[in-house]
Amino acid sequence: MDHQLKRGVLDACVLAVLMRGDSYGYRLVGDVGELIEITESTLYPILKRLEAQGQVSVYSVEHNGRLRRYYQITPQGVERVRSFISEWRELVRALNRIETEVEIYDQK
């Protein structure tokens, strides 16, 4: 899969999981992993980028004597997911047209 396309899909998956509710890194790896394969080393740069873009906010909560960072989707993040879905639908329509053209070509 194209790197940029996969990056967009990963971002959308992380944001979509956060639409369920706030979460922390380790749990996000498992939850996002239900949608697409992801590792911690891939997740944390995504979270940092989404935070820098204002799509995710971060806060800390003490857990077992340590601070745990929680990630929360922002309104901009929700809008990004909705925009991604719209763009993806447009891409699927184009792919369907391409597939039809290939089928027509193959029938010649």
C-alpha atoms as a PDB file:
ATOM      1  CA  MET A   1       0.000   0.000   0.000  1.00  0.00           C
ATOM      2  CA  ASP A   2       1.220   3.502  -0.807  1.00  0.00           C
ATOM      3  CA  HIS A   3       2.922   5.116   2.207  1.00  0.00           C
ATOM      4  CA  GLN A   4       0.793   8.284   2.171  1.00  0.00           C
ATOM      5  CA  LEU A   5      -2.415   6.303   1.754  1.00  0.00           C
ATOM      6  CA  LYS A   6      -1.512   3.989   4.623  1.00  0.00           C
ATOM      7  CA  ARG A   7      -0.611   6.983   6.790  1.00  0.00           C
ATOM      8  CA  GLY A   8      -4.050   8.472   6.190  1.00  0.00           C
ATOM      9  CA  VAL A   9      -5.744   5.165   6.983  1.00  0.00           C
ATOM     10  CA  LEU A  10      -3.747   4.763  10.207  1.00  0.00           C
ATOM     11  CA  ASP A  11      -4.568   8.310  11.304  1.00  0.00           C
ATOM     12  CA  ALA A  12      -8.268   7.727  10.611  1.00  0.00           C
ATOM     13  CA  CYS A  13      -8.221   4.411  12.512  1.00  0.00           C
ATOM     14  CA  VAL A  14      -6.611   6.016  15.577  1.00  0.00           C
ATOM     15  CA  LEU A  15      -9.072   8.892  15.511  1.00  0.00           C
ATOM     16  CA  ALA A  16     -12.050   6.573  14.978  1.00  0.00           C
ATOM     17  CA  VAL A  17     -11.048   4.479  17.997  1.00  0.00           C
ATOM     18  CA  LEU A  18     -10.737   7.658  20.075  1.00  0.00           C
ATOM     19  CA  MET A  19     -14.298   8.552  19.062  1.00  0.00           C
ATOM     20  CA  ARG A  20     -15.323   5.664  21.374  1.00  0.00           C
ATOM     21  CA  GLY A  21     -13.693   7.491  24.290  1.00  0.00           C
ATOM     22  CA  ASP A  22     -10.385   8.617  25.749  1.00  0.00           C
ATOM     23  CA  SER A  23      -7.621   6.053  25.808  1.00  0.00           C
ATOM     24  CA  TYR A  24      -3.924   5.530  26.542  1.00  0.00           C
ATOM     25  CA  GLY A  25      -1.171   4.215  24.293  1.00  0.00           C
ATOM     26  CA  TYR A  26      -1.003   0.543  25.204  1.00  0.00           C
ATOM     27  CA  ARG A  27      -4.768   0.135  25.019  1.00  0.00           C
ATOM     28  CA  LEU A  28      -4.870   2.027  21.735  1.00  0.00           C
ATOM     29  CA  VAL A  29      -2.423  -0.424  20.182  1.00  0.00           C
ATOM     30  CA  GLY A  30      -4.877  -3.239  20.920  1.00  0.00           C
ATOM     31  CA  ASP A  31      -7.991  -1.339  19.915  1.00  0.00           C
ATOM     32  CA  VAL A  32      -6.536   0.038  16.675  1.00  0.00           C
ATOM     33  CA  GLY A  33      -5.032  -3.408  16.059  1.00  0.00           C
ATOM     34  CA  GLU A  34      -8.570  -4.741  15.690  1.00  0.00           C
ATOM     35  CA  LEU A  35      -8.901  -2.499  12.610  1.00  0.00           C
ATOM     36  CA  ILE A  36      -5.388  -2.552  11.135  1.00  0.00           C
ATOM     37  CA  GLU A  37      -2.018  -3.893  12.210  1.00  0.00           C
ATOM     38  CA  ILE A  38      -0.090  -1.337  14.265  1.00  0.00           C
ATOM     39  CA  THR A  39       2.824  -1.352  16.704  1.00  0.00           C
ATOM     40  CA  GLU A  40       3.678   0.993  19.564  1.00  0.00           C
ATOM     41  CA  SER A  41       6.597   2.350  17.554  1.00  0.00           C
ATOM     42  CA  THR A  42       4.139   3.328  14.810  1.00  0.00           C
ATOM     43  CA  LEU A  43       1.369   4.567  17.120  1.00  0.00           C
ATOM     44  CA  TYR A  44       3.277   7.116  19.196  1.00  0.00           C
ATOM     45  CA  PRO A  45       4.540   9.219  16.259  1.00  0.00           C
ATOM     46  CA  ILE A  46       0.959   9.223  14.912  1.00  0.00           C
ATOM     47  CA  LEU A  47      -0.377  10.443  18.254  1.00  0.00           C
ATOM     48  CA  LYS A  48       2.308  13.137  18.436  1.00  0.00           C
ATOM     49  CA  ARG A  49       1.482  14.308  14.888  1.00  0.00           C
ATOM     50  CA  LEU A  50      -2.284  14.304  15.577  1.00  0.00           C
ATOM     51  CA  GLU A  51      -1.674  16.314  18.752  1.00  0.00           C
ATOM     52  CA  ALA A  52       0.465  18.853  16.833  1.00  0.00           C
ATOM     53  CA  GLN A  53      -2.348  19.167  14.272  1.00  0.00           C
ATOM     54  CA  GLY A  54      -4.916  19.828  17.018  1.00  0.00           C
ATOM     55  CA  GLN A  55      -6.852  16.628  16.281  1.00  0.00           C
ATOM     56  CA  VAL A  56      -5.989  15.013  19.626  1.00  0.00           C
ATOM     57  CA  SER A  57      -5.457  16.486  23.069  1.00  0.00           C
ATOM     58  CA  VAL A  58      -3.457  14.853  25.855  1.00  0.00           C
ATOM     59  CA  TYR A  59      -3.846  14.784  29.617  1.00  0.00           C
ATOM     60  CA  SER A  60      -2.256  12.715  32.384  1.00  0.00           C
ATOM     61  CA  VAL A  61      -3.846  10.655  35.138  1.00  0.00           C
ATOM     62  CA  GLU A  62      -2.040   8.895  37.957  1.00  0.00           C
ATOM     63  CA  HIS A  63      -2.296   5.099  37.707  1.00  0.00           C
ATOM     64  CA  ASN A  64      -0.469   2.774  40.107  1.00  0.00           C
ATOM     65  CA  GLY A  65       1.837   5.565  41.228  1.00  0.00           C
ATOM     66  CA  ARG A  66       2.745   6.593  37.654  1.00  0.00           C
ATOM     67  CA  LEU A  67       1.331   9.144  35.277  1.00  0.00           C
ATOM     68  CA  ARG A  68      -0.514   7.657  32.320  1.00  0.00           C
ATOM     69  CA  ARG A  69      -1.054   9.825  29.251  1.00  0.00           C
ATOM     70  CA  TYR A  70      -4.585   9.748  27.890  1.00  0.00           C
ATOM     71  CA  TYR A  71      -5.512  10.846  24.405  1.00  0.00           C
ATOM     72  CA  GLN A  72      -8.806  12.531  23.577  1.00  0.00           C
ATOM     73  CA  ILE A  73     -10.167  13.358  20.131  1.00  0.00           C
ATOM     74  CA  THR A  74     -10.915  17.036  19.497  1.00  0.00           C
ATOM     75  CA  PRO A  75     -13.641  18.492  17.284  1.00  0.00           C
ATOM     76  CA  GLN A  76     -10.964  18.932  14.584  1.00  0.00           C
ATOM     77  CA  GLY A  77     -10.174  15.213  14.889  1.00  0.00           C
ATOM     78  CA  VAL A  78     -13.827  14.282  14.486  1.00  0.00           C
ATOM     79  CA  GLU A  79     -14.021  16.485  11.401  1.00  0.00           C
ATOM     80  CA  ARG A  80     -10.871  14.817  10.018  1.00  0.00           C
ATOM     81  CA  VAL A  81     -12.491  11.370  10.346  1.00  0.00           C
ATOM     82  CA  ARG A  82     -15.608  12.592   8.568  1.00  0.00           C
ATOM     83  CA  SER A  83     -13.514  14.180   5.837  1.00  0.00           C
ATOM     84  CA  PHE A  84     -11.475  10.984   5.452  1.00  0.00           C
ATOM     85  CA  ILE A  85     -14.662   8.935   5.013  1.00  0.00           C
ATOM     86  CA  SER A  86     -15.893  11.336   2.337  1.00  0.00           C
ATOM     87  CA  GLU A  87     -12.545  11.231   0.523  1.00  0.00           C
ATOM     88  CA  TRP A  88     -12.451   7.443   0.795  1.00  0.00           C
ATOM     89  CA  ARG A  89     -15.921   7.123  -0.747  1.00  0.00           C
ATOM     90  CA  GLU A  90     -14.770   9.279  -3.655  1.00  0.00           C
ATOM     91  CA  LEU A  91     -11.719   7.062  -4.070  1.00  0.00           C
ATOM     92  CA  VAL A  92     -13.914   3.936  -4.073  1.00  0.00           C
ATOM     93  CA  ARG A  93     -16.135   5.441  -6.796  1.00  0.00           C
ATOM     94  CA  ALA A  94     -13.052   6.122  -8.914  1.00  0.00           C
ATOM     95  CA  LEU A  95     -11.744   2.612  -8.287  1.00  0.00           C
ATOM     96  CA  ASN A  96     -15.088   1.140  -9.353  1.00  0.00           C
ATOM     97  CA  ARG A  97     -14.916   3.128 -12.612  1.00  0.00           C
ATOM     98  CA  ILE A  98     -11.374   1.904 -13.236  1.00  0.00           C
ATOM     99  CA  GLU A  99     -12.461  -1.671 -12.563  1.00  0.00           C
ATOM    100  CA  THR A 100     -15.305  -1.309 -15.077  1.00  0.00           C
ATOM    101  CA  GLU A 101     -12.903   0.001 -17.721  1.00  0.00           C
ATOM    102  CA  VAL A 102     -10.561  -2.946 -17.123  1.00  0.00           C
ATOM    103  CA  GLU A 103     -13.472  -5.398 -17.470  1.00  0.00           C
ATOM    104  CA  ILE A 104     -14.526  -3.726 -20.743  1.00  0.00           C
ATOM    105  CA  TYR A 105     -10.947  -3.917 -22.007  1.00  0.00           C
ATOM    106  CA  ASP A 106     -10.648  -7.582 -21.030  1.00  0.00           C
ATOM    107  CA  GLN A 107     -13.832  -8.416 -22.962  1.00  0.00           C
ATOM    108  CA  LYS A 108     -12.380  -7.077 -26.238  1.00  0.00           C
END
